[in-house]
PDB file of N, CA and C in Angstrom:
ATOM      1  N   MET A   1       0.842  -1.170   0.000  1.00  0.00           N
ATOM      2  CA  MET A   1       0.000   0.000   0.000  1.00  0.00           C
ATOM      3  C   MET A   1       0.885   1.230   0.000  1.00  0.00           C
ATOM      4  N   PHE A   2       0.489   2.248  -0.701  1.00  0.00           N
ATOM      5  CA  PHE A   2       1.287   3.450  -0.785  1.00  0.00           C
ATOM      6  C   PHE A   2       0.579   4.572  -0.070  1.00  0.00           C
ATOM      7  N   LYS A   3       1.349   5.553   0.376  1.00  0.00           N
ATOM      8  CA  LYS A   3       0.795   6.718   1.067  1.00  0.00           C
ATOM      9  C   LYS A   3       1.060   7.943   0.229  1.00  0.00           C
ATOM     10  N   LEU A   4       0.043   8.770   0.101  1.00  0.00           N
ATOM     11  CA  LEU A   4       0.196  10.022  -0.619  1.00  0.00           C
ATOM     12  C   LEU A   4       0.745  11.068   0.335  1.00  0.00           C
ATOM     13  N   PRO A   5       1.608  11.932  -0.146  1.00  0.00           N
ATOM     14  CA  PRO A   5       2.084  13.006   0.723  1.00  0.00           C
ATOM     15  C   PRO A   5       0.941  13.987   1.004  1.00  0.00           C
ATOM     16  N   VAL A   6       0.788  14.354   2.248  1.00  0.00           N
ATOM     17  CA  VAL A   6      -0.306  15.235   2.659  1.00  0.00           C
ATOM     18  C   VAL A   6       0.285  16.565   3.090  1.00  0.00           C
ATOM     19  N   HIS A   7      -0.260  17.628   2.513  1.00  0.00           N
ATOM     20  CA  HIS A   7       0.143  18.979   2.874  1.00  0.00           C
ATOM     21  C   HIS A   7      -1.040  19.628   3.575  1.00  0.00           C
ATOM     22  N   ALA A   8      -0.874  19.996   4.821  1.00  0.00           N
ATOM     23  CA  ALA A   8      -1.974  20.551   5.604  1.00  0.00           C
ATOM     24  C   ALA A   8      -2.092  22.056   5.454  1.00  0.00           C
ATOM     25  N   ASN A   9      -1.194  22.706   4.725  1.00  0.00           N
ATOM     26  CA  ASN A   9      -1.207  24.156   4.638  1.00  0.00           C
ATOM     27  C   ASN A   9      -2.368  24.683   3.820  1.00  0.00           C
ATOM     28  N   SER A  10      -2.592  24.137   2.638  1.00  0.00           N
ATOM     29  CA  SER A  10      -3.666  24.657   1.801  1.00  0.00           C
ATOM     30  C   SER A  10      -4.198  23.553   0.906  1.00  0.00           C
ATOM     31  N   ALA A  11      -5.417  23.763   0.432  1.00  0.00           N
ATOM     32  CA  ALA A  11      -6.046  22.780  -0.448  1.00  0.00           C
ATOM     33  C   ALA A  11      -5.496  22.895  -1.857  1.00  0.00           C
ATOM     34  N   SER A  12      -4.920  24.029  -2.214  1.00  0.00           N
ATOM     35  CA  SER A  12      -4.394  24.205  -3.563  1.00  0.00           C
ATOM     36  C   SER A  12      -3.135  23.357  -3.790  1.00  0.00           C
ATOM     37  N   SER A  13      -2.476  22.936  -2.721  1.00  0.00           N
ATOM     38  CA  SER A  13      -1.269  22.136  -2.892  1.00  0.00           C
ATOM     39  C   SER A  13      -1.594  20.715  -3.343  1.00  0.00           C
ATOM     40  N   LEU A  14      -2.857  20.296  -3.248  1.00  0.00           N
ATOM     41  CA  LEU A  14      -3.247  18.968  -3.706  1.00  0.00           C
ATOM     42  C   LEU A  14      -3.325  18.888  -5.225  1.00  0.00           C
ATOM     43  N   ASP A  15      -3.400  20.034  -5.879  1.00  0.00           N
ATOM     44  CA  ASP A  15      -3.513  20.048  -7.328  1.00  0.00           C
ATOM     45  C   ASP A  15      -2.216  19.612  -8.017  1.00  0.00           C
ATOM     46  N   ASP A  16      -1.077  19.845  -7.382  1.00  0.00           N
ATOM     47  CA  ASP A  16       0.184  19.511  -8.022  1.00  0.00           C
ATOM     48  C   ASP A  16       0.667  18.093  -7.700  1.00  0.00           C
ATOM     49  N   ILE A  17      -0.141  17.266  -7.032  1.00  0.00           N
ATOM     50  CA  ILE A  17       0.233  15.891  -6.708  1.00  0.00           C
ATOM     51  C   ILE A  17      -0.384  14.961  -7.737  1.00  0.00           C
ATOM     52  N   ASP A  18       0.442  14.094  -8.289  1.00  0.00           N
ATOM     53  CA  ASP A  18      -0.040  13.097  -9.237  1.00  0.00           C
ATOM     54  C   ASP A  18      -0.066  11.739  -8.527  1.00  0.00           C
ATOM     55  N   PRO A  19      -1.259  11.261  -8.109  1.00  0.00           N
ATOM     56  CA  PRO A  19      -1.303  10.000  -7.358  1.00  0.00           C
ATOM     57  C   PRO A  19      -0.866   8.792  -8.180  1.00  0.00           C
ATOM     58  N   PHE A  20      -1.048   8.847  -9.499  1.00  0.00           N
ATOM     59  CA  PHE A  20      -0.651   7.728 -10.332  1.00  0.00           C
ATOM     60  C   PHE A  20       0.862   7.627 -10.457  1.00  0.00           C
ATOM     61  N   ALA A  21       1.551   8.752 -10.447  1.00  0.00           N
ATOM     62  CA  ALA A  21       3.014   8.728 -10.490  1.00  0.00           C
ATOM     63  C   ALA A  21       3.574   8.122  -9.210  1.00  0.00           C
ATOM     64  N   VAL A  22       2.953   8.432  -8.071  1.00  0.00           N
ATOM     65  CA  VAL A  22       3.404   7.864  -6.802  1.00  0.00           C
ATOM     66  C   VAL A  22       3.152   6.365  -6.789  1.00  0.00           C
ATOM     67  N   ALA A  23       1.985   5.935  -7.271  1.00  0.00           N
ATOM     68  CA  ALA A  23       1.651   4.508  -7.296  1.00  0.00           C
ATOM     69  C   ALA A  23       2.566   3.749  -8.246  1.00  0.00           C
ATOM     70  N   ASN A  24       2.861   4.319  -9.398  1.00  0.00           N
ATOM     71  CA  ASN A  24       3.742   3.657 -10.354  1.00  0.00           C
ATOM     72  C   ASN A  24       5.177   3.584  -9.850  1.00  0.00           C
ATOM     73  N   ALA A  25       5.609   4.580  -9.085  1.00  0.00           N
ATOM     74  CA  ALA A  25       6.959   4.557  -8.535  1.00  0.00           C
ATOM     75  C   ALA A  25       7.100   3.472  -7.486  1.00  0.00           C
ATOM     76  N   ASP A  26       6.050   3.253  -6.687  1.00  0.00           N
ATOM     77  CA  ASP A  26       6.104   2.214  -5.650  1.00  0.00           C
ATOM     78  C   ASP A  26       6.027   0.821  -6.241  1.00  0.00           C
ATOM     79  N   ASP A  27       5.285   0.639  -7.317  1.00  0.00           N
ATOM     80  CA  ASP A  27       5.085  -0.670  -7.918  1.00  0.00           C
ATOM     81  C   ASP A  27       5.913  -0.852  -9.179  1.00  0.00           C
ATOM     82  N   SER A  28       7.092  -0.264  -9.234  1.00  0.00           N
ATOM     83  CA  SER A  28       7.884  -0.333 -10.460  1.00  0.00           C
ATOM     84  C   SER A  28       8.363  -1.748 -10.766  1.00  0.00           C
ATOM     85  N   ASP A  29       8.541  -2.591  -9.727  1.00  0.00           N
ATOM     86  CA  ASP A  29       8.983  -3.955  -9.959  1.00  0.00           C
ATOM     87  C   ASP A  29       7.849  -4.954  -9.783  1.00  0.00           C
ATOM     88  N   ALA A  30       6.616  -4.520  -9.967  1.00  0.00           N
ATOM     89  CA  ALA A  30       5.461  -5.396  -9.736  1.00  0.00           C
ATOM     90  C   ALA A  30       5.421  -6.549 -10.740  1.00  0.00           C
ATOM     91  N   GLY A  31       5.748  -6.309 -11.992  1.00  0.00           N
ATOM     92  CA  GLY A  31       5.704  -7.367 -12.994  1.00  0.00           C
ATOM     93  C   GLY A  31       7.000  -8.143 -13.122  1.00  0.00           C
ATOM     94  N   ALA A  32       8.029  -7.725 -12.406  1.00  0.00           N
ATOM     95  CA  ALA A  32       9.330  -8.379 -12.536  1.00  0.00           C
ATOM     96  C   ALA A  32       9.350  -9.758 -11.884  1.00  0.00           C
ATOM     97  N   LYS A  33       8.571  -9.932 -10.832  1.00  0.00           N
ATOM     98  CA  LYS A  33       8.574 -11.217 -10.134  1.00  0.00           C
ATOM     99  C   LYS A  33       7.542 -12.132 -10.774  1.00  0.00           C
ATOM    100  N   GLU A  34       8.014 -13.233 -11.316  1.00  0.00           N
ATOM    101  CA  GLU A  34       7.111 -14.185 -11.939  1.00  0.00           C
ATOM    102  C   GLU A  34       6.645 -15.176 -10.893  1.00  0.00           C
ATOM    103  N   SER A  35       5.421 -15.633 -11.050  1.00  0.00           N
ATOM    104  CA  SER A  35       4.881 -16.566 -10.080  1.00  0.00           C
ATOM    105  C   SER A  35       4.391 -17.821 -10.785  1.00  0.00           C
ATOM    106  N   VAL A  36       4.399 -18.902 -10.048  1.00  0.00           N
ATOM    107  CA  VAL A  36       3.920 -20.188 -10.537  1.00  0.00           C
ATOM    108  C   VAL A  36       2.518 -20.383  -9.979  1.00  0.00           C
ATOM    109  N   HIS A  37       1.578 -20.721 -10.849  1.00  0.00           N
ATOM    110  CA  HIS A  37       0.193 -20.919 -10.442  1.00  0.00           C
ATOM    111  C   HIS A  37      -0.105 -22.410 -10.354  1.00  0.00           C
ATOM    112  N   VAL A  38      -0.525 -22.848  -9.177  1.00  0.00           N
ATOM    113  CA  VAL A  38      -0.937 -24.232  -8.961  1.00  0.00           C
ATOM    114  C   VAL A  38      -2.420 -24.186  -8.642  1.00  0.00           C
ATOM    115  N   ARG A  39      -3.228 -24.736  -9.538  1.00  0.00           N
ATOM    116  CA  ARG A  39      -4.683 -24.648  -9.402  1.00  0.00           C
ATOM    117  C   ARG A  39      -5.307 -26.027  -9.458  1.00  0.00           C
ATOM    118  N   VAL A  40      -6.524 -26.118  -8.940  1.00  0.00           N
ATOM    119  CA  VAL A  40      -7.285 -27.356  -9.031  1.00  0.00           C
ATOM    120  C   VAL A  40      -8.559 -27.060  -9.811  1.00  0.00           C
ATOM    121  N   GLN A  41      -8.919 -27.958 -10.711  1.00  0.00           N
ATOM    122  CA  GLN A  41     -10.150 -27.829 -11.488  1.00  0.00           C
ATOM    123  C   GLN A  41     -11.038 -29.013 -11.156  1.00  0.00           C
ATOM    124  N   GLN A  42     -12.287 -28.735 -10.868  1.00  0.00           N
ATOM    125  CA  GLN A  42     -13.235 -29.796 -10.572  1.00  0.00           C
ATOM    126  C   GLN A  42     -13.737 -30.398 -11.876  1.00  0.00           C
ATOM    127  N   ARG A  43     -13.649 -31.697 -11.968  1.00  0.00           N
ATOM    128  CA  ARG A  43     -14.173 -32.386 -13.150  1.00  0.00           C
ATOM    129  C   ARG A  43     -15.571 -32.880 -12.835  1.00  0.00           C
ATOM    130  N   ASN A  44     -15.858 -34.129 -13.064  1.00  0.00           N
ATOM    131  CA  ASN A  44     -17.185 -34.649 -12.781  1.00  0.00           C
ATOM    132  C   ASN A  44     -17.163 -35.437 -11.471  1.00  0.00           C
ATOM    133  N   GLY A  45     -18.148 -35.205 -10.625  1.00  0.00           N
ATOM    134  CA  GLY A  45     -18.219 -35.904  -9.351  1.00  0.00           C
ATOM    135  C   GLY A  45     -17.097 -35.482  -8.413  1.00  0.00           C
ATOM    136  N   ARG A  46     -16.375 -36.460  -7.889  1.00  0.00           N
ATOM    137  CA  ARG A  46     -15.281 -36.180  -6.973  1.00  0.00           C
ATOM    138  C   ARG A  46     -13.946 -36.069  -7.685  1.00  0.00           C
ATOM    139  N   LYS A  47     -13.934 -36.175  -8.985  1.00  0.00           N
ATOM    140  CA  LYS A  47     -12.694 -36.133  -9.761  1.00  0.00           C
ATOM    141  C   LYS A  47     -12.196 -34.691  -9.863  1.00  0.00           C
ATOM    142  N   SER A  48     -10.894 -34.525  -9.763  1.00  0.00           N
ATOM    143  CA  SER A  48     -10.317 -33.192  -9.896  1.00  0.00           C
ATOM    144  C   SER A  48      -9.010 -33.277 -10.676  1.00  0.00           C
ATOM    145  N   LEU A  49      -8.544 -32.128 -11.118  1.00  0.00           N
ATOM    146  CA  LEU A  49      -7.364 -32.021 -11.959  1.00  0.00           C
ATOM    147  C   LEU A  49      -6.524 -30.862 -11.424  1.00  0.00           C
ATOM    148  N   THR A  50      -5.254 -31.090 -11.190  1.00  0.00           N
ATOM    149  CA  THR A  50      -4.351 -30.047 -10.707  1.00  0.00           C
ATOM    150  C   THR A  50      -3.520 -29.545 -11.879  1.00  0.00           C
ATOM    151  N   THR A  51      -3.471 -28.226 -12.055  1.00  0.00           N
ATOM    152  CA  THR A  51      -2.684 -27.635 -13.142  1.00  0.00           C
ATOM    153  C   THR A  51      -1.571 -26.782 -12.559  1.00  0.00           C
ATOM    154  N   VAL A  52      -0.415 -26.833 -13.215  1.00  0.00           N
ATOM    155  CA  VAL A  52       0.751 -26.039 -12.824  1.00  0.00           C
ATOM    156  C   VAL A  52       1.185 -25.251 -14.046  1.00  0.00           C
ATOM    157  N   GLN A  53       1.223 -23.918 -13.910  1.00  0.00           N
ATOM    158  CA  GLN A  53       1.650 -23.080 -15.031  1.00  0.00           C
ATOM    159  C   GLN A  53       2.510 -21.944 -14.510  1.00  0.00           C
ATOM    160  N   GLY A  54       3.306 -21.390 -15.384  1.00  0.00           N
ATOM    161  CA  GLY A  54       4.138 -20.253 -15.031  1.00  0.00           C
ATOM    162  C   GLY A  54       5.559 -20.619 -14.659  1.00  0.00           C
ATOM    163  N   LEU A  55       5.953 -21.872 -14.852  1.00  0.00           N
ATOM    164  CA  LEU A  55       7.339 -22.244 -14.605  1.00  0.00           C
ATOM    165  C   LEU A  55       8.231 -21.599 -15.659  1.00  0.00           C
ATOM    166  N   LYS A  56       9.481 -21.393 -15.332  1.00  0.00           N
ATOM    167  CA  LYS A  56      10.409 -20.795 -16.280  1.00  0.00           C
ATOM    168  C   LYS A  56      10.607 -21.726 -17.471  1.00  0.00           C
ATOM    169  N   LYS A  57      10.865 -21.149 -18.616  1.00  0.00           N
ATOM    170  CA  LYS A  57      11.015 -21.925 -19.846  1.00  0.00           C
ATOM    171  C   LYS A  57      12.286 -22.768 -19.839  1.00  0.00           C
ATOM    172  N   GLU A  58      13.238 -22.419 -18.990  1.00  0.00           N
ATOM    173  CA  GLU A  58      14.501 -23.170 -18.960  1.00  0.00           C
ATOM    174  C   GLU A  58      14.355 -24.523 -18.270  1.00  0.00           C
ATOM    175  N   TYR A  59      13.257 -24.732 -17.535  1.00  0.00           N
ATOM    176  CA  TYR A  59      13.027 -26.022 -16.887  1.00  0.00           C
ATOM    177  C   TYR A  59      12.451 -27.017 -17.882  1.00  0.00           C
ATOM    178  N   SER A  60      12.791 -28.267 -17.704  1.00  0.00           N
ATOM    179  CA  SER A  60      12.264 -29.328 -18.547  1.00  0.00           C
ATOM    180  C   SER A  60      10.944 -29.814 -17.951  1.00  0.00           C
ATOM    181  N   TYR A  61       9.860 -29.499 -18.622  1.00  0.00           N
ATOM    182  CA  TYR A  61       8.536 -29.841 -18.114  1.00  0.00           C
ATOM    183  C   TYR A  61       8.348 -31.356 -18.047  1.00  0.00           C
ATOM    184  N   SER A  62       8.905 -32.068 -18.994  1.00  0.00           N
ATOM    185  CA  SER A  62       8.733 -33.522 -18.996  1.00  0.00           C
ATOM    186  C   SER A  62       9.452 -34.164 -17.816  1.00  0.00           C
ATOM    187  N   LYS A  63      10.618 -33.659 -17.440  1.00  0.00           N
ATOM    188  CA  LYS A  63      11.333 -34.206 -16.297  1.00  0.00           C
ATOM    189  C   LYS A  63      10.630 -33.866 -14.990  1.00  0.00           C
ATOM    190  N   ILE A  64      10.109 -32.650 -14.888  1.00  0.00           N
ATOM    191  CA  ILE A  64       9.350 -32.266 -13.696  1.00  0.00           C
ATOM    192  C   ILE A  64       8.102 -33.128 -13.575  1.00  0.00           C
ATOM    193  N   LEU A  65       7.419 -33.348 -14.700  1.00  0.00           N
ATOM    194  CA  LEU A  65       6.221 -34.187 -14.687  1.00  0.00           C
ATOM    195  C   LEU A  65       6.560 -35.609 -14.265  1.00  0.00           C
ATOM    196  N   LYS A  66       7.656 -36.145 -14.767  1.00  0.00           N
ATOM    197  CA  LYS A  66       8.061 -37.505 -14.417  1.00  0.00           C
ATOM    198  C   LYS A  66       8.310 -37.623 -12.920  1.00  0.00           C
ATOM    199  N   ASP A  67       8.993 -36.630 -12.343  1.00  0.00           N
ATOM    200  CA  ASP A  67       9.263 -36.654 -10.902  1.00  0.00           C
ATOM    201  C   ASP A  67       7.982 -36.493 -10.091  1.00  0.00           C
ATOM    202  N   LEU A  68       7.075 -35.619 -10.541  1.00  0.00           N
ATOM    203  CA  LEU A  68       5.806 -35.425  -9.831  1.00  0.00           C
ATOM    204  C   LEU A  68       4.962 -36.692  -9.844  1.00  0.00           C
ATOM    205  N   LYS A  69       4.903 -37.339 -11.000  1.00  0.00           N
ATOM    206  CA  LYS A  69       4.122 -38.576 -11.118  1.00  0.00           C
ATOM    207  C   LYS A  69       4.686 -39.673 -10.218  1.00  0.00           C
ATOM    208  N   LYS A  70       5.999 -39.771 -10.177  1.00  0.00           N
ATOM    209  CA  LYS A  70       6.637 -40.806  -9.370  1.00  0.00           C
ATOM    210  C   LYS A  70       6.474 -40.508  -7.878  1.00  0.00           C
ATOM    211  N   GLU A  71       6.586 -39.234  -7.506  1.00  0.00           N
ATOM    212  CA  GLU A  71       6.516 -38.847  -6.094  1.00  0.00           C
ATOM    213  C   GLU A  71       5.106 -39.005  -5.522  1.00  0.00           C
ATOM    214  N   PHE A  72       4.074 -38.646  -6.292  1.00  0.00           N
ATOM    215  CA  PHE A  72       2.709 -38.612  -5.770  1.00  0.00           C
ATOM    216  C   PHE A  72       1.823 -39.741  -6.275  1.00  0.00           C
ATOM    217  N   CYS A  73       2.393 -40.687  -7.007  1.00  0.00           N
ATOM    218  CA  CYS A  73       1.640 -41.856  -7.500  1.00  0.00           C
ATOM    219  C   CYS A  73       0.359 -41.443  -8.218  1.00  0.00           C
ATOM    220  N   CYS A  74       0.506 -40.582  -9.200  1.00  0.00           N
ATOM    221  CA  CYS A  74      -0.649 -40.144  -9.987  1.00  0.00           C
ATOM    222  C   CYS A  74      -0.219 -40.048 -11.448  1.00  0.00           C
ATOM    223  N   ASN A  75      -1.178 -39.896 -12.314  1.00  0.00           N
ATOM    224  CA  ASN A  75      -0.886 -39.747 -13.733  1.00  0.00           C
ATOM    225  C   ASN A  75      -0.930 -38.269 -14.092  1.00  0.00           C
ATOM    226  N   GLY A  76      -0.322 -37.906 -15.205  1.00  0.00           N
ATOM    227  CA  GLY A  76      -0.318 -36.515 -15.624  1.00  0.00           C
ATOM    228  C   GLY A  76       0.193 -36.367 -17.034  1.00  0.00           C
ATOM    229  N   THR A  77       0.109 -35.133 -17.521  1.00  0.00           N
ATOM    230  CA  THR A  77       0.550 -34.833 -18.877  1.00  0.00           C
ATOM    231  C   THR A  77       0.970 -33.366 -18.964  1.00  0.00           C
ATOM    232  N   VAL A  78       1.724 -33.057 -20.015  1.00  0.00           N
ATOM    233  CA  VAL A  78       2.085 -31.675 -20.323  1.00  0.00           C
ATOM    234  C   VAL A  78       1.255 -31.252 -21.525  1.00  0.00           C
ATOM    235  N   VAL A  79       0.500 -30.167 -21.363  1.00  0.00           N
ATOM    236  CA  VAL A  79      -0.401 -29.682 -22.408  1.00  0.00           C
ATOM    237  C   VAL A  79       0.131 -28.353 -22.923  1.00  0.00           C
ATOM    238  N   GLN A  80       0.133 -28.170 -24.232  1.00  0.00           N
ATOM    239  CA  GLN A  80       0.535 -26.910 -24.846  1.00  0.00           C
ATOM    240  C   GLN A  80      -0.706 -26.061 -25.074  1.00  0.00           C
ATOM    241  N   ASP A  81      -0.817 -24.937 -24.356  1.00  0.00           N
ATOM    242  CA  ASP A  81      -1.948 -24.022 -24.484  1.00  0.00           C
ATOM    243  C   ASP A  81      -1.496 -22.802 -25.283  1.00  0.00           C
ATOM    244  N   PRO A  82      -2.317 -22.312 -26.229  1.00  0.00           N
ATOM    245  CA  PRO A  82      -1.874 -21.163 -27.037  1.00  0.00           C
ATOM    246  C   PRO A  82      -1.682 -19.885 -26.217  1.00  0.00           C
ATOM    247  N   GLU A  83      -2.479 -19.665 -25.170  1.00  0.00           N
ATOM    248  CA  GLU A  83      -2.359 -18.449 -24.363  1.00  0.00           C
ATOM    249  C   GLU A  83      -1.392 -18.616 -23.202  1.00  0.00           C
ATOM    250  N   LEU A  84      -1.421 -19.771 -22.535  1.00  0.00           N
ATOM    251  CA  LEU A  84      -0.679 -19.968 -21.299  1.00  0.00           C
ATOM    252  C   LEU A  84       0.666 -20.645 -21.489  1.00  0.00           C
ATOM    253  N   GLY A  85       0.929 -21.173 -22.659  1.00  0.00           N
ATOM    254  CA  GLY A  85       2.170 -21.907 -22.892  1.00  0.00           C
ATOM    255  C   GLY A  85       2.027 -23.342 -22.422  1.00  0.00           C
ATOM    256  N   GLN A  86       3.085 -23.900 -21.864  1.00  0.00           N
ATOM    257  CA  GLN A  86       3.033 -25.270 -21.392  1.00  0.00           C
ATOM    258  C   GLN A  86       2.430 -25.315 -19.993  1.00  0.00           C
ATOM    259  N   VAL A  87       1.513 -26.272 -19.802  1.00  0.00           N
ATOM    260  CA  VAL A  87       0.823 -26.451 -18.532  1.00  0.00           C
ATOM    261  C   VAL A  87       0.942 -27.918 -18.131  1.00  0.00           C
ATOM    262  N   ILE A  88       1.342 -28.163 -16.889  1.00  0.00           N
ATOM    263  CA  ILE A  88       1.399 -29.521 -16.361  1.00  0.00           C
ATOM    264  C   ILE A  88       0.059 -29.841 -15.722  1.00  0.00           C
ATOM    265  N   GLU A  89      -0.539 -30.962 -16.109  1.00  0.00           N
ATOM    266  CA  GLU A  89      -1.808 -31.408 -15.539  1.00  0.00           C
ATOM    267  C   GLU A  89      -1.578 -32.722 -14.805  1.00  0.00           C
ATOM    268  N   LEU A  90      -2.079 -32.800 -13.568  1.00  0.00           N
ATOM    269  CA  LEU A  90      -1.970 -34.007 -12.755  1.00  0.00           C
ATOM    270  C   LEU A  90      -3.359 -34.439 -12.298  1.00  0.00           C
ATOM    271  N   GLN A  91      -3.544 -35.749 -12.159  1.00  0.00           N
ATOM    272  CA  GLN A  91      -4.809 -36.264 -11.663  1.00  0.00           C
ATOM    273  C   GLN A  91      -4.909 -36.037 -10.159  1.00  0.00           C
ATOM    274  N   GLY A  92      -6.091 -35.651  -9.715  1.00  0.00           N
ATOM    275  CA  GLY A  92      -6.350 -35.492  -8.290  1.00  0.00           C
ATOM    276  C   GLY A  92      -5.998 -34.105  -7.792  1.00  0.00           C
ATOM    277  N   ASN A  93      -6.330 -33.870  -6.529  1.00  0.00           N
ATOM    278  CA  ASN A  93      -6.030 -32.595  -5.886  1.00  0.00           C
ATOM    279  C   ASN A  93      -4.640 -32.688  -5.264  1.00  0.00           C
ATOM    280  N   GLN A  94      -3.643 -32.205  -5.964  1.00  0.00           N
ATOM    281  CA  GLN A  94      -2.242 -32.309  -5.548  1.00  0.00           C
ATOM    282  C   GLN A  94      -1.631 -30.938  -5.250  1.00  0.00           C
ATOM    283  N   ARG A  95      -2.464 -29.943  -4.926  1.00  0.00           N
ATOM    284  CA  ARG A  95      -1.954 -28.583  -4.758  1.00  0.00           C
ATOM    285  C   ARG A  95      -0.881 -28.475  -3.687  1.00  0.00           C
ATOM    286  N   LYS A  96      -1.157 -28.986  -2.501  1.00  0.00           N
ATOM    287  CA  LYS A  96      -0.183 -28.881  -1.404  1.00  0.00           C
ATOM    288  C   LYS A  96       1.080 -29.663  -1.730  1.00  0.00           C
ATOM    289  N   ASN A  97       0.907 -30.850  -2.268  1.00  0.00           N
ATOM    290  CA  ASN A  97       2.064 -31.680  -2.607  1.00  0.00           C
ATOM    291  C   ASN A  97       2.953 -31.011  -3.647  1.00  0.00           C
ATOM    292  N   VAL A  98       2.330 -30.485  -4.690  1.00  0.00           N
ATOM    293  CA  VAL A  98       3.096 -29.856  -5.776  1.00  0.00           C
ATOM    294  C   VAL A  98       3.804 -28.606  -5.280  1.00  0.00           C
ATOM    295  N   SER A  99       3.127 -27.788  -4.485  1.00  0.00           N
ATOM    296  CA  SER A  99       3.748 -26.552  -4.016  1.00  0.00           C
ATOM    297  C   SER A  99       4.948 -26.838  -3.122  1.00  0.00           C
ATOM    298  N   THR A 100       4.825 -27.796  -2.197  1.00  0.00           N
ATOM    299  CA  THR A 100       5.970 -28.126  -1.346  1.00  0.00           C
ATOM    300  C   THR A 100       7.103 -28.760  -2.162  1.00  0.00           C
ATOM    301  N   PHE A 101       6.760 -29.588  -3.131  1.00  0.00           N
ATOM    302  CA  PHE A 101       7.762 -30.228  -3.990  1.00  0.00           C
ATOM    303  C   PHE A 101       8.526 -29.175  -4.781  1.00  0.00           C
ATOM    304  N   LEU A 102       7.818 -28.229  -5.401  1.00  0.00           N
ATOM    305  CA  LEU A 102       8.482 -27.208  -6.216  1.00  0.00           C
ATOM    306  C   LEU A 102       9.354 -26.295  -5.353  1.00  0.00           C
ATOM    307  N   ILE A 103       8.894 -25.967  -4.154  1.00  0.00           N
ATOM    308  CA  ILE A 103       9.698 -25.127  -3.273  1.00  0.00           C
ATOM    309  C   ILE A 103      10.986 -25.844  -2.882  1.00  0.00           C
ATOM    310  N   GLN A 104      10.893 -27.125  -2.580  1.00  0.00           N
ATOM    311  CA  GLN A 104      12.084 -27.885  -2.213  1.00  0.00           C
ATOM    312  C   GLN A 104      13.044 -28.017  -3.387  1.00  0.00           C
ATOM    313  N   VAL A 105      12.519 -28.289  -4.561  1.00  0.00           N
ATOM    314  CA  VAL A 105      13.379 -28.505  -5.729  1.00  0.00           C
ATOM    315  C   VAL A 105      14.021 -27.203  -6.185  1.00  0.00           C
ATOM    316  N   ILE A 106      13.283 -26.110  -6.197  1.00  0.00           N
ATOM    317  CA  ILE A 106      13.819 -24.837  -6.683  1.00  0.00           C
ATOM    318  C   ILE A 106      14.826 -24.266  -5.691  1.00  0.00           C
ATOM    319  N   ASN A 107      14.587 -24.414  -4.402  1.00  0.00           N
ATOM    320  CA  ASN A 107      15.494 -23.848  -3.395  1.00  0.00           C
ATOM    321  C   ASN A 107      16.712 -24.707  -3.141  1.00  0.00           C
ATOM    322  N   THR A 108      16.765 -25.909  -3.694  1.00  0.00           N
ATOM    323  CA  THR A 108      17.930 -26.767  -3.527  1.00  0.00           C
ATOM    324  C   THR A 108      19.014 -26.360  -4.518  1.00  0.00           C
ATOM    325  N   PRO A 109      20.243 -26.163  -4.043  1.00  0.00           N
ATOM    326  CA  PRO A 109      21.300 -25.737  -4.983  1.00  0.00           C
ATOM    327  C   PRO A 109      21.735 -26.833  -5.924  1.00  0.00           C
TER     328      PRO A 109
END
């Protein structure tokens, strides 16, 4: 959250403040940090599908998928989406498992 500078002397001093310039200066690195999205999609009945998107392009999606499938005993695939790029899909609700796995793998030197 950003704070606007407040001048208590006169109301005319508010005219020379550009709130959008202050907001843009505070959020200058807002788009620089990329995030990985781990989502669950409800299919039919109790069936669900976990999707992982936003991984860096330098990672091998097929190797990550192979490790995820082996670690969590589930099936999965890598899907090429025209808007989102490559997306990893896993059977079942694996959100917590995938997030902890990715944090451990990425933070390991």
